[in-house]
N, C-alpha and C. Protein backbone atom coordinates (compact mmCIF):
# COMPACT_ATOMS: atom_id res chain seq x y z
N MET A 1 29.96 -237.58 55.17
CA MET A 1 31.12 -237.07 54.48
C MET A 1 30.70 -236.22 53.28
N VAL A 2 29.69 -236.67 52.55
CA VAL A 2 29.22 -235.93 51.38
C VAL A 2 28.62 -234.59 51.81
N THR A 3 27.90 -234.59 52.92
CA THR A 3 27.29 -233.36 53.43
C THR A 3 28.36 -232.34 53.78
N PHE A 4 29.45 -232.80 54.36
CA PHE A 4 30.56 -231.91 54.70
C PHE A 4 31.15 -231.27 53.44
N LEU A 5 31.32 -232.06 52.39
CA LEU A 5 31.86 -231.53 51.14
C LEU A 5 30.93 -230.49 50.53
N TRP A 6 29.62 -230.74 50.60
CA TRP A 6 28.66 -229.75 50.07
C TRP A 6 28.71 -228.46 50.88
N CYS A 7 28.90 -228.57 52.18
CA CYS A 7 29.02 -227.38 53.02
C CYS A 7 30.28 -226.59 52.66
N VAL A 8 31.37 -227.30 52.39
CA VAL A 8 32.61 -226.63 51.99
C VAL A 8 32.41 -225.93 50.64
N VAL A 9 31.73 -226.59 49.71
CA VAL A 9 31.46 -225.99 48.40
C VAL A 9 30.59 -224.75 48.56
N ALA A 10 29.55 -224.83 49.36
CA ALA A 10 28.65 -223.69 49.59
C ALA A 10 29.40 -222.53 50.22
N LEU A 11 30.22 -222.82 51.21
CA LEU A 11 31.01 -221.78 51.87
C LEU A 11 31.98 -221.13 50.88
N THR A 12 32.59 -221.93 50.06
CA THR A 12 33.51 -221.41 49.05
C THR A 12 32.80 -220.50 48.07
N LEU A 13 31.60 -220.89 47.64
CA LEU A 13 30.83 -220.05 46.72
C LEU A 13 30.43 -218.72 47.37
N VAL A 14 30.06 -218.77 48.64
CA VAL A 14 29.70 -217.54 49.35
C VAL A 14 30.91 -216.62 49.46
N LEU A 15 32.05 -217.18 49.81
CA LEU A 15 33.27 -216.37 49.91
C LEU A 15 33.68 -215.80 48.55
N ALA A 16 33.52 -216.59 47.50
CA ALA A 16 33.86 -216.10 46.16
C ALA A 16 32.93 -214.97 45.76
N GLY A 17 31.65 -215.09 46.07
CA GLY A 17 30.70 -214.02 45.77
C GLY A 17 31.03 -212.75 46.55
N ALA A 18 31.40 -212.87 47.80
CA ALA A 18 31.77 -211.70 48.60
C ALA A 18 33.03 -211.04 48.04
N ALA A 19 33.99 -211.86 47.64
CA ALA A 19 35.22 -211.31 47.06
C ALA A 19 34.92 -210.60 45.74
N TRP A 20 34.04 -211.17 44.95
CA TRP A 20 33.66 -210.57 43.67
C TRP A 20 33.01 -209.20 43.90
N MET A 21 32.11 -209.12 44.88
CA MET A 21 31.42 -207.85 45.16
C MET A 21 32.42 -206.80 45.68
N LYS A 22 33.35 -207.21 46.52
CA LYS A 22 34.36 -206.28 47.03
C LYS A 22 35.27 -205.79 45.91
N ALA A 23 35.62 -206.67 44.99
CA ALA A 23 36.47 -206.28 43.85
C ALA A 23 35.74 -205.26 42.96
N ARG A 24 34.45 -205.46 42.74
CA ARG A 24 33.68 -204.51 41.94
C ARG A 24 33.61 -203.15 42.63
N GLN A 25 33.42 -203.17 43.94
CA GLN A 25 33.35 -201.93 44.71
C GLN A 25 34.68 -201.17 44.64
N LEU A 26 35.78 -201.89 44.81
CA LEU A 26 37.09 -201.25 44.74
C LEU A 26 37.41 -200.76 43.34
N SER A 27 36.93 -201.48 42.33
CA SER A 27 37.14 -201.05 40.95
C SER A 27 36.43 -199.72 40.69
N ARG A 28 35.18 -199.61 41.16
CA ARG A 28 34.44 -198.35 41.00
C ARG A 28 35.13 -197.22 41.75
N LEU A 29 35.62 -197.50 42.95
CA LEU A 29 36.31 -196.49 43.74
C LEU A 29 37.57 -196.02 43.03
N CYS A 30 38.31 -196.94 42.46
CA CYS A 30 39.53 -196.60 41.73
C CYS A 30 39.21 -195.74 40.50
N ALA A 31 38.15 -196.07 39.79
CA ALA A 31 37.75 -195.28 38.63
C ALA A 31 37.34 -193.88 39.04
N ASP A 32 36.61 -193.76 40.15
CA ASP A 32 36.20 -192.44 40.64
C ASP A 32 37.41 -191.61 41.06
N LEU A 33 38.37 -192.23 41.73
CA LEU A 33 39.56 -191.52 42.15
C LEU A 33 40.38 -191.06 40.95
N SER A 34 40.47 -191.90 39.95
CA SER A 34 41.20 -191.53 38.74
C SER A 34 40.54 -190.36 38.03
N THR A 35 39.22 -190.39 37.94
CA THR A 35 38.48 -189.29 37.31
C THR A 35 38.69 -188.00 38.10
N SER A 36 38.61 -188.09 39.42
CA SER A 36 38.80 -186.90 40.25
C SER A 36 40.21 -186.34 40.09
N TYR A 37 41.21 -187.22 40.02
CA TYR A 37 42.59 -186.78 39.86
C TYR A 37 42.76 -185.98 38.57
N TRP A 38 42.29 -186.53 37.46
CA TRP A 38 42.48 -185.84 36.19
C TRP A 38 41.66 -184.57 36.12
N GLN A 39 40.48 -184.54 36.74
CA GLN A 39 39.68 -183.32 36.77
C GLN A 39 40.39 -182.24 37.59
N LEU A 40 40.93 -182.60 38.75
CA LEU A 40 41.65 -181.63 39.56
C LEU A 40 42.92 -181.15 38.88
N ARG A 41 43.60 -182.04 38.18
CA ARG A 41 44.81 -181.63 37.46
C ARG A 41 44.46 -180.64 36.35
N TYR A 42 43.37 -180.88 35.65
CA TYR A 42 42.92 -179.97 34.60
C TYR A 42 42.56 -178.61 35.19
N GLU A 43 41.78 -178.62 36.30
CA GLU A 43 41.38 -177.37 36.93
C GLU A 43 42.59 -176.61 37.47
N HIS A 44 43.58 -177.32 37.99
CA HIS A 44 44.79 -176.67 38.48
C HIS A 44 45.50 -175.95 37.33
N GLY A 45 45.62 -176.59 36.19
CA GLY A 45 46.24 -175.96 35.03
C GLY A 45 45.46 -174.74 34.57
N GLN A 46 44.14 -174.84 34.56
CA GLN A 46 43.31 -173.71 34.17
C GLN A 46 43.49 -172.54 35.13
N LEU A 47 43.48 -172.82 36.42
CA LEU A 47 43.64 -171.75 37.41
C LEU A 47 45.04 -171.14 37.36
N ALA A 48 46.05 -171.94 37.13
CA ALA A 48 47.42 -171.42 37.04
C ALA A 48 47.56 -170.49 35.84
N SER A 49 47.01 -170.88 34.71
CA SER A 49 47.09 -170.00 33.54
C SER A 49 46.27 -168.73 33.73
N ARG A 50 45.13 -168.86 34.38
CA ARG A 50 44.29 -167.69 34.67
C ARG A 50 45.02 -166.73 35.62
N LEU A 51 45.67 -167.26 36.64
CA LEU A 51 46.43 -166.44 37.57
C LEU A 51 47.58 -165.74 36.86
N HIS A 52 48.26 -166.46 36.02
CA HIS A 52 49.37 -165.87 35.27
C HIS A 52 48.88 -164.74 34.37
N ARG A 53 47.74 -164.95 33.72
CA ARG A 53 47.17 -163.92 32.85
C ARG A 53 46.79 -162.68 33.67
N ILE A 54 46.20 -162.88 34.85
CA ILE A 54 45.82 -161.76 35.71
C ILE A 54 47.06 -161.01 36.20
N GLU A 55 48.10 -161.76 36.55
CA GLU A 55 49.34 -161.12 36.99
C GLU A 55 49.93 -160.27 35.88
N LEU A 56 49.87 -160.75 34.65
CA LEU A 56 50.39 -159.98 33.53
C LEU A 56 49.56 -158.72 33.29
N GLN A 57 48.25 -158.82 33.44
CA GLN A 57 47.39 -157.66 33.22
C GLN A 57 47.59 -156.59 34.29
N THR A 58 47.83 -157.00 35.52
CA THR A 58 47.99 -156.04 36.60
C THR A 58 49.44 -155.58 36.76
N GLY A 59 50.35 -156.17 36.01
CA GLY A 59 51.75 -155.78 36.07
C GLY A 59 52.49 -156.36 37.25
N MET A 60 51.93 -157.35 37.89
CA MET A 60 52.59 -157.95 39.06
C MET A 60 53.67 -158.93 38.65
N ALA A 61 53.64 -159.40 37.45
CA ALA A 61 54.64 -160.36 36.99
C ALA A 61 55.23 -159.87 35.68
N SER A 62 56.48 -160.14 35.47
CA SER A 62 57.11 -159.75 34.22
C SER A 62 57.27 -161.00 33.35
N LEU A 63 57.29 -160.77 32.06
CA LEU A 63 57.48 -161.88 31.13
C LEU A 63 58.92 -162.35 31.19
N PRO A 64 59.16 -163.64 31.28
CA PRO A 64 60.54 -164.13 31.24
C PRO A 64 61.12 -163.96 29.84
N ASP A 65 62.43 -163.75 29.79
CA ASP A 65 63.09 -163.57 28.49
C ASP A 65 63.02 -164.83 27.64
N GLU A 66 63.19 -165.97 28.28
CA GLU A 66 63.11 -167.24 27.57
C GLU A 66 62.35 -168.24 28.44
N PRO A 67 61.71 -169.21 27.82
CA PRO A 67 60.93 -170.17 28.61
C PRO A 67 61.85 -170.95 29.56
N ALA A 68 61.31 -171.23 30.72
CA ALA A 68 62.09 -171.98 31.71
C ALA A 68 62.24 -173.43 31.27
N ALA A 69 63.42 -173.96 31.52
CA ALA A 69 63.68 -175.36 31.18
C ALA A 69 62.99 -176.24 32.21
N PRO A 70 62.45 -177.39 31.78
CA PRO A 70 61.82 -178.28 32.76
C PRO A 70 62.85 -178.82 33.74
N GLU A 71 62.39 -179.08 34.94
CA GLU A 71 63.28 -179.61 35.97
C GLU A 71 63.77 -181.00 35.56
N PRO A 72 65.03 -181.31 35.82
CA PRO A 72 65.51 -182.65 35.45
C PRO A 72 64.83 -183.70 36.31
N GLY A 73 64.47 -184.78 35.68
CA GLY A 73 63.84 -185.88 36.39
C GLY A 73 62.33 -185.73 36.53
N ARG A 74 61.79 -184.62 36.11
CA ARG A 74 60.35 -184.42 36.21
C ARG A 74 59.72 -184.67 34.84
N THR A 75 58.71 -185.49 34.81
CA THR A 75 58.04 -185.78 33.55
C THR A 75 56.82 -184.89 33.42
N SER A 76 56.46 -184.60 32.21
CA SER A 76 55.27 -183.79 31.97
C SER A 76 54.28 -184.62 31.18
N PHE A 77 53.05 -184.17 31.18
CA PHE A 77 51.98 -184.89 30.52
C PHE A 77 52.16 -184.81 29.00
N VAL A 78 52.12 -185.95 28.34
CA VAL A 78 52.20 -186.02 26.88
C VAL A 78 50.98 -186.78 26.41
N PRO A 79 50.08 -186.10 25.67
CA PRO A 79 48.89 -186.82 25.20
C PRO A 79 49.27 -187.90 24.19
N LEU A 80 48.55 -189.02 24.27
CA LEU A 80 48.87 -190.14 23.37
C LEU A 80 48.61 -189.80 21.92
N SER A 81 47.67 -188.88 21.67
CA SER A 81 47.37 -188.54 20.28
C SER A 81 48.56 -187.90 19.59
N SER A 82 49.46 -187.27 20.36
CA SER A 82 50.63 -186.65 19.74
C SER A 82 51.69 -187.70 19.38
N LEU A 83 51.57 -188.90 19.94
CA LEU A 83 52.53 -189.95 19.66
C LEU A 83 52.15 -190.83 18.48
N LYS A 84 50.91 -190.68 17.99
CA LYS A 84 50.47 -191.50 16.88
C LYS A 84 51.21 -191.15 15.61
N LYS A 85 51.55 -192.15 14.87
CA LYS A 85 52.22 -191.92 13.58
C LYS A 85 51.18 -191.74 12.50
N THR A 86 51.40 -190.77 11.64
CA THR A 86 50.49 -190.58 10.52
C THR A 86 50.91 -191.46 9.38
N SER A 87 49.95 -192.07 8.74
CA SER A 87 50.27 -192.99 7.63
C SER A 87 50.14 -192.30 6.31
């Protein structure tokens, strides 16, 4: 009976170790995906502004009279540093 309990404990430890390793792997993958997302979002903004600047230089686009209003229900990126209160 005692041998059976030790086998159960050993099996449990092995399963816990495997779960721990899988969690670490998924955590690294999530961090990599998050980094890639923000890098692509930054590059997209850079390319969009570059395209707009080129269109203005070549005369393919005209300047709008007033800035376009954001679409309702769409949120935009707000850096946390702008939300800090100054003391």
